[in-house]
Protein backbone atom coordinates (compact mmCIF):
# COMPACT_ATOMS: atom_id res chain seq x y z
CA MET A 1 87.18 144.04 101.41
CA ALA A 2 88.75 144.13 97.65
CA ALA A 3 91.83 142.86 98.45
CA PHE A 4 90.34 139.88 100.32
CA LEU A 5 87.82 139.13 97.48
CA LEU A 6 90.69 138.97 94.84
CA GLY A 7 92.73 136.42 97.29
CA ALA A 8 89.98 134.33 97.43
CA VAL A 9 89.08 134.61 93.69
CA LEU A 10 92.77 133.47 93.24
CA LEU A 11 92.43 130.65 95.49
CA ILE A 12 89.49 128.99 93.53
CA VAL A 13 91.00 129.33 90.17
CA GLN A 14 94.57 128.18 91.10
CA PRO A 15 95.05 124.76 89.31
CA GLN A 16 95.99 121.78 91.47
CA LEU A 17 99.19 120.01 90.77
CA VAL A 18 98.68 116.31 90.99
CA PRO A 19 102.11 114.68 90.99
CA SER A 20 103.05 111.55 88.60
CA ARG A 21 104.21 109.86 91.73
CA PRO A 22 104.19 110.39 95.48
CA ALA A 23 106.44 113.21 96.46
CA ILE A 24 109.07 112.25 99.08
CA ASN A 25 110.87 114.26 101.58
CA SER A 26 114.41 112.32 101.85
CA ASN A 27 115.02 114.49 104.97
CA ALA A 28 111.81 113.97 107.00
CA GLU A 29 112.59 112.12 110.19
CA THR A 30 109.20 110.60 111.78
CA SER A 31 109.55 111.89 115.64
CA GLN A 32 108.06 110.14 118.45
CA SER A 33 105.25 113.04 118.66
CA VAL A 34 104.63 113.16 114.55
CA GLN A 35 104.28 109.28 115.25
CA ARG A 36 101.79 109.75 118.33
CA GLU A 37 99.69 111.85 115.77
CA LEU A 38 99.72 109.57 112.96
CA LEU A 39 98.28 107.07 115.39
CA LYS A 40 95.78 108.88 116.35
CA LYS A 41 94.69 109.71 113.19
CA THR A 42 94.91 106.16 111.64
CA SER A 43 93.96 104.13 114.16
CA GLN A 44 90.86 102.22 113.60
CA LYS A 45 90.11 101.83 117.13
CA ASN A 46 89.08 104.57 119.78
CA ASP A 47 91.06 103.20 122.51
CA PHE A 48 94.44 104.37 121.50
CA LYS A 49 96.99 104.54 124.29
CA GLU A 50 100.90 105.06 124.40
CA ASN A 51 102.52 101.59 125.86
CA ILE A 52 105.53 103.18 128.01
CA HIS A 53 107.60 101.44 130.33
CA SER A 54 108.55 102.55 133.45
CA ASN A 55 112.17 102.76 132.19
CA GLY A 56 111.44 105.06 129.71
CA SER A 57 111.49 103.11 126.76
CA CYS A 58 108.12 102.43 124.91
CA GLN A 59 106.97 100.49 121.74
CA GLN A 60 106.77 102.71 118.47
CA LEU A 61 106.40 102.48 114.71
CA PRO A 62 109.25 100.84 112.94
CA GLN A 63 111.57 103.33 111.31
CA THR A 64 113.18 100.65 109.10
CA ILE A 65 111.55 97.31 107.67
CA ILE A 66 113.39 94.48 106.11
CA ILE A 67 110.81 93.74 103.25
CA GLY A 68 112.43 90.54 101.91
CA VAL A 69 113.14 88.50 99.84
CA ARG A 70 111.99 85.44 101.27
CA LYS A 71 114.69 82.70 101.53
CA GLY A 72 117.07 85.63 100.83
CA GLY A 73 118.75 85.82 104.22
CA THR A 74 116.33 88.18 106.07
CA ARG A 75 116.64 86.26 109.53
CA ALA A 76 120.43 86.32 109.44
CA LEU A 77 120.24 89.94 108.44
CA LEU A 78 118.04 90.54 111.75
CA GLU A 79 120.17 88.91 113.92
CA MET A 80 123.35 90.62 112.36
CA LEU A 81 121.77 93.71 112.89
CA SER A 82 120.49 93.51 116.12
CA LEU A 83 124.53 93.12 117.55
CA HIS A 84 124.03 96.98 117.20
CA PRO A 85 123.02 98.56 120.64
CA ASP A 86 120.97 101.42 118.82
CA ILE A 87 118.70 98.44 117.35
CA ALA A 88 115.36 97.01 118.75
CA ALA A 89 114.14 94.33 116.52
CA ALA A 90 110.84 92.57 116.53
CA GLU A 91 111.30 88.73 116.96
CA SER A 92 108.61 87.61 114.74
CA GLU A 93 107.48 88.20 111.28
CA VAL A 94 104.55 90.41 111.86
CA HIS A 95 102.81 90.54 108.24
CA PHE A 96 100.90 93.61 109.10
CA PHE A 97 100.92 95.20 105.61
CA ASP A 98 100.24 91.79 103.53
CA TRP A 99 97.92 89.66 105.73
CA GLU A 100 94.19 91.85 105.35
CA ASP A 101 93.13 90.04 109.13
CA HIS A 102 96.00 92.03 110.67
CA TYR A 103 96.03 94.96 108.82
CA ARG A 104 92.47 95.59 109.46
CA ASN A 105 93.60 95.66 112.80
CA GLY A 106 94.90 99.43 112.29
CA LEU A 107 98.24 101.02 113.54
CA GLN A 108 97.87 100.40 117.42
CA TRP A 109 97.90 96.87 116.82
CA TYR A 110 100.89 96.99 114.73
CA ILE A 111 102.60 99.21 117.54
CA ASN A 112 101.85 96.66 119.84
CA GLN A 113 103.91 93.93 118.29
CA MET A 114 106.96 96.19 118.17
CA PRO A 115 109.67 95.49 120.89
CA PHE A 116 109.84 98.47 123.81
CA SER A 117 112.91 100.70 122.85
CA TYR A 118 114.44 103.98 123.86
CA PRO A 119 114.30 107.10 121.98
CA HIS A 120 117.79 107.02 120.69
CA GLN A 121 116.84 103.24 118.87
CA ILE A 122 115.71 102.36 115.60
CA THR A 123 113.05 99.78 115.86
CA VAL A 124 113.38 97.32 113.02
CA GLU A 125 110.39 94.62 111.99
CA LYS A 126 111.28 91.92 109.08
CA THR A 127 108.46 90.05 107.01
CA PRO A 128 109.85 88.47 103.79
CA ALA A 129 106.66 88.41 102.05
CA TYR A 130 106.37 92.24 101.66
CA PHE A 131 108.68 92.55 98.92
CA THR A 132 106.41 90.34 96.51
CA SER A 133 103.05 91.34 97.79
CA PRO A 134 101.60 94.01 95.41
CA LYS A 135 99.82 96.12 97.95
CA VAL A 136 102.45 96.44 100.43
CA PRO A 137 104.32 99.30 99.03
CA GLU A 138 101.53 102.14 98.88
CA ARG A 139 100.77 100.77 102.65
CA VAL A 140 103.84 101.27 104.02
CA TYR A 141 104.27 104.69 102.24
CA ASN A 142 101.01 105.85 103.60
CA MET A 143 102.36 105.08 106.99
CA ASN A 144 105.57 106.79 106.71
CA GLN A 145 107.05 108.10 103.33
CA SER A 146 110.57 108.57 105.00
CA MET A 147 110.92 104.75 106.00
CA ARG A 148 114.23 103.42 105.39
CA LEU A 149 113.81 99.87 103.64
CA LEU A 150 115.94 96.89 103.82
CA LEU A 151 116.13 94.32 100.72
CA ILE A 152 118.05 91.22 100.91
CA LEU A 153 118.71 89.43 97.73
CA ARG A 154 120.29 85.95 96.37
CA ASP A 155 121.02 84.51 92.96
CA PRO A 156 117.51 84.10 91.80
CA SER A 157 117.99 80.24 91.05
CA GLU A 158 119.42 79.29 94.56
CA ARG A 159 116.60 81.32 95.89
CA VAL A 160 114.31 79.17 94.43
CA LEU A 161 115.83 75.83 95.49
CA SER A 162 115.67 77.46 99.08
CA ASP A 163 111.77 77.91 98.80
CA TYR A 164 111.41 74.74 97.66
CA THR A 165 113.69 73.02 100.48
CA GLN A 166 111.65 75.34 103.32
CA VAL A 167 108.59 73.82 102.19
CA PHE A 168 109.92 70.51 101.80
CA TYR A 169 111.13 70.18 105.37
CA ASN A 170 108.25 71.98 106.93
CA HIS A 171 106.21 68.94 105.42
CA MET A 172 108.73 66.45 106.43
CA GLN A 173 108.30 67.63 110.04
CA LYS A 174 104.53 66.92 109.88
CA HIS A 175 105.22 63.56 108.27
CA LYS A 176 103.38 64.64 104.94
CA PRO A 177 104.61 63.80 101.51
CA TYR A 178 105.70 66.22 99.44
CA PRO A 179 106.62 66.14 95.59
CA SER A 180 109.76 66.65 94.41
CA ILE A 181 111.04 69.61 93.28
CA GLU A 182 111.20 68.62 89.47
CA GLN A 183 107.52 68.19 89.89
CA PHE A 184 107.06 71.68 90.19
CA LEU A 185 109.90 72.87 87.98
CA ILE A 186 108.82 70.98 84.81
CA LYS A 187 105.46 70.99 82.92
CA ASN A 188 104.70 69.73 79.91
CA GLY A 189 108.56 68.85 79.37
CA GLU A 190 109.27 72.35 79.97
CA LEU A 191 110.18 75.04 82.72
CA ASN A 192 106.93 75.78 84.90
CA VAL A 193 107.15 79.61 85.05
CA ASP A 194 103.85 79.54 87.00
CA TYR A 195 105.76 78.18 89.93
CA LYS A 196 105.23 80.53 92.91
CA ALA A 197 109.09 80.35 93.98
CA ILE A 198 110.16 81.28 90.35
CA ASN A 199 107.71 84.26 90.62
CA ARG A 200 108.86 85.58 93.92
CA SER A 201 112.53 85.43 91.99
CA LEU A 202 111.41 87.92 89.45
CA TYR A 203 113.15 90.65 91.34
CA TYR A 204 113.06 93.28 88.29
CA ILE A 205 108.93 92.95 88.60
CA HIS A 206 108.67 93.80 92.15
CA MET A 207 111.07 96.26 92.45
CA GLN A 208 109.25 98.47 89.99
CA ASN A 209 106.28 98.53 92.31
CA TRP A 210 108.34 99.58 95.23
CA LEU A 211 109.94 102.42 93.19
CA LYS A 212 106.28 103.85 92.55
CA TYR A 213 106.72 104.96 96.15
CA PHE A 214 110.04 104.85 97.33
CA PRO A 215 113.12 106.33 95.72
CA LEU A 216 116.08 104.11 95.37
CA ASP A 217 118.00 106.11 97.90
CA HIS A 218 115.61 104.75 100.61
CA ILE A 219 115.85 101.21 99.65
CA HIS A 220 119.16 99.41 100.44
CA ILE A 221 119.94 96.02 98.78
CA VAL A 222 121.89 93.81 100.78
CA ASP A 223 123.58 91.01 98.91
CA GLY A 224 122.84 87.95 100.50
CA ASP A 225 125.28 85.69 98.82
CA LYS A 226 128.03 87.98 100.32
CA LEU A 227 126.43 87.83 103.68
CA ILE A 228 126.80 84.39 103.72
CA LYS A 229 130.35 84.31 102.60
CA ASP A 230 131.76 87.19 104.48
CA PRO A 231 129.06 89.00 106.61
CA PHE A 232 131.17 91.82 108.23
CA PRO A 233 131.64 94.17 105.02
CA GLU A 234 127.85 93.99 104.11
CA ILE A 235 126.79 94.87 107.74
CA GLU A 236 128.84 97.89 107.74
CA LYS A 237 127.02 99.03 104.59
CA VAL A 238 123.69 98.71 106.58
CA GLU A 239 125.29 100.62 109.77
CA ARG A 240 126.10 103.55 107.00
CA PHE A 241 122.64 103.33 105.21
CA LEU A 242 120.61 103.43 108.64
CA LYS A 243 123.18 106.14 109.99
CA LEU A 244 124.24 104.27 112.69
CA SER A 245 127.42 104.70 114.66
CA PRO A 246 130.03 102.01 113.62
CA GLN A 247 129.56 99.42 116.50
CA ILE A 248 129.65 95.99 114.91
CA ASN A 249 133.03 94.71 114.02
CA ALA A 250 134.75 91.79 112.48
CA SER A 251 135.24 90.12 115.78
CA ASN A 252 131.25 89.51 116.05
CA PHE A 253 131.49 86.87 113.38
CA TYR A 254 133.42 83.73 113.53
CA PHE A 255 132.89 80.45 111.13
CA ASN A 256 131.62 77.47 112.39
CA LYS A 257 133.16 74.86 110.58
CA THR A 258 130.45 72.03 111.74
CA LYS A 259 127.65 74.31 110.53
CA GLY A 260 129.50 75.43 107.48
CA PHE A 261 128.32 79.12 107.81
CA TYR A 262 128.97 82.09 110.14
CA CYS A 263 127.84 82.48 113.61
CA LEU A 264 127.59 85.42 115.95
CA ARG A 265 129.89 86.35 119.09
CA ASP A 266 128.10 89.18 121.35
CA SER A 267 129.58 90.38 124.59
CA GLY A 268 131.61 86.75 124.87
CA ARG A 269 128.06 84.92 124.11
CA GLU A 270 128.20 82.95 121.08
CA ARG A 271 125.24 82.11 119.11
CA CYS A 272 124.05 80.44 115.55
CA LEU A 273 121.08 80.80 113.66
CA HIS A 274 118.19 77.96 113.89
CA GLU A 275 119.13 74.27 112.43
CA SER A 276 116.61 75.18 109.96
CA LYS A 277 119.04 77.78 108.37
CA GLY A 278 121.49 76.71 105.94
CA ARG A 279 119.94 73.30 105.06
CA ALA A 280 121.36 71.17 101.90
CA HIS A 281 119.25 71.82 98.49
CA PRO A 282 117.91 68.94 96.83
CA GLN A 283 120.18 67.74 93.99
CA VAL A 284 118.83 68.92 90.61
CA ASP A 285 119.79 67.73 87.41
CA SER A 286 122.21 70.38 85.38
CA TRP A 287 119.99 70.65 82.57
CA LEU A 288 117.42 71.88 84.74
CA LEU A 289 119.25 74.32 86.64
CA GLU A 290 120.71 75.50 83.42
CA LYS A 291 116.99 76.11 82.19
CA LEU A 292 116.27 77.81 85.52
CA GLN A 293 119.26 79.97 85.12
CA GLU A 294 118.58 80.94 81.39
CA TYR A 295 115.22 81.74 82.50
CA PHE A 296 116.48 84.37 84.90
CA HIS A 297 119.23 85.95 82.53
CA GLU A 298 116.88 88.73 81.09
CA PRO A 299 114.94 89.58 83.95
CA ASN A 300 118.08 89.82 85.92
CA LYS A 301 119.75 92.22 83.55
CA LYS A 302 116.50 94.55 83.64
CA PHE A 303 116.71 94.40 87.26
CA PHE A 304 120.76 95.63 87.28
CA GLU A 305 119.94 98.30 85.03
CA LEU A 306 116.96 99.45 87.39
CA VAL A 307 118.90 99.70 90.71
CA GLY A 308 122.25 100.58 88.91
CA ARG A 309 124.52 98.02 90.20
CA THR A 310 125.25 94.33 89.52
CA PHE A 311 125.34 91.06 91.37
CA ASP A 312 127.67 87.91 90.76
CA TRP A 313 124.48 85.79 89.82
CA HIS A 314 124.69 82.91 87.08
């Protein structure tokens, strides 16, 4: 009895340690059984059920997410990664963690957006807006602290031009007028640093937010500029990061001279990315482009120091 009382006293007075950042178990693997328990505890609806196909495949939470960046080459990365037989990819951008209407639906809704996959496969979803959304890193961490994240980046200045180009063509297709890029980039004779497209290219700021929750070895950065010029070496690195067997090879890629970029070859079938990819950027005066590149010089330098590697950006 005395020993029991002593143990109870020690338990009460023992100080609680509060880590300065979320604890990470880098060796943890989220098995299907663990995912089932997670879904039962966190689903905001009581009608939780597993979606299992008669062939043994099922819908499961993603083990890998392509978190961004917008206009960095996320679609190309997903299509190339899908060449691997052990990858099951969600076709559409899910926007679960960044859109409140979706997030309120709970994890059951999220899992319902995933493709059917076999136990040996890795389920992947991509939503480029995740990288720059402040709430997303914590939400992903709360779902799975062992998540493997893919981030594809391009030269920040080029990414700004691609960002504008996409919105411009979206308006053109709807027969709506859209201002020139100069009207967005210039304000009172100076570079308009409040332009959202510029903010999305400040990789250093957004990366800091992710590193509050995930260690750097859980985030693989794909060089989007190199992926365009020579995709195979970049995909090889992704295979190693995801611990996949080397199944994708150089013969899966061929350069399409008409389109001006690499297309894919899979089991004899050839396919290219949608025509909306690889559009020509608007012509920008050299002085304005230089201003843009000068603005990103210091943020890029900080980003290189943060991730411990450099990129061939202006």
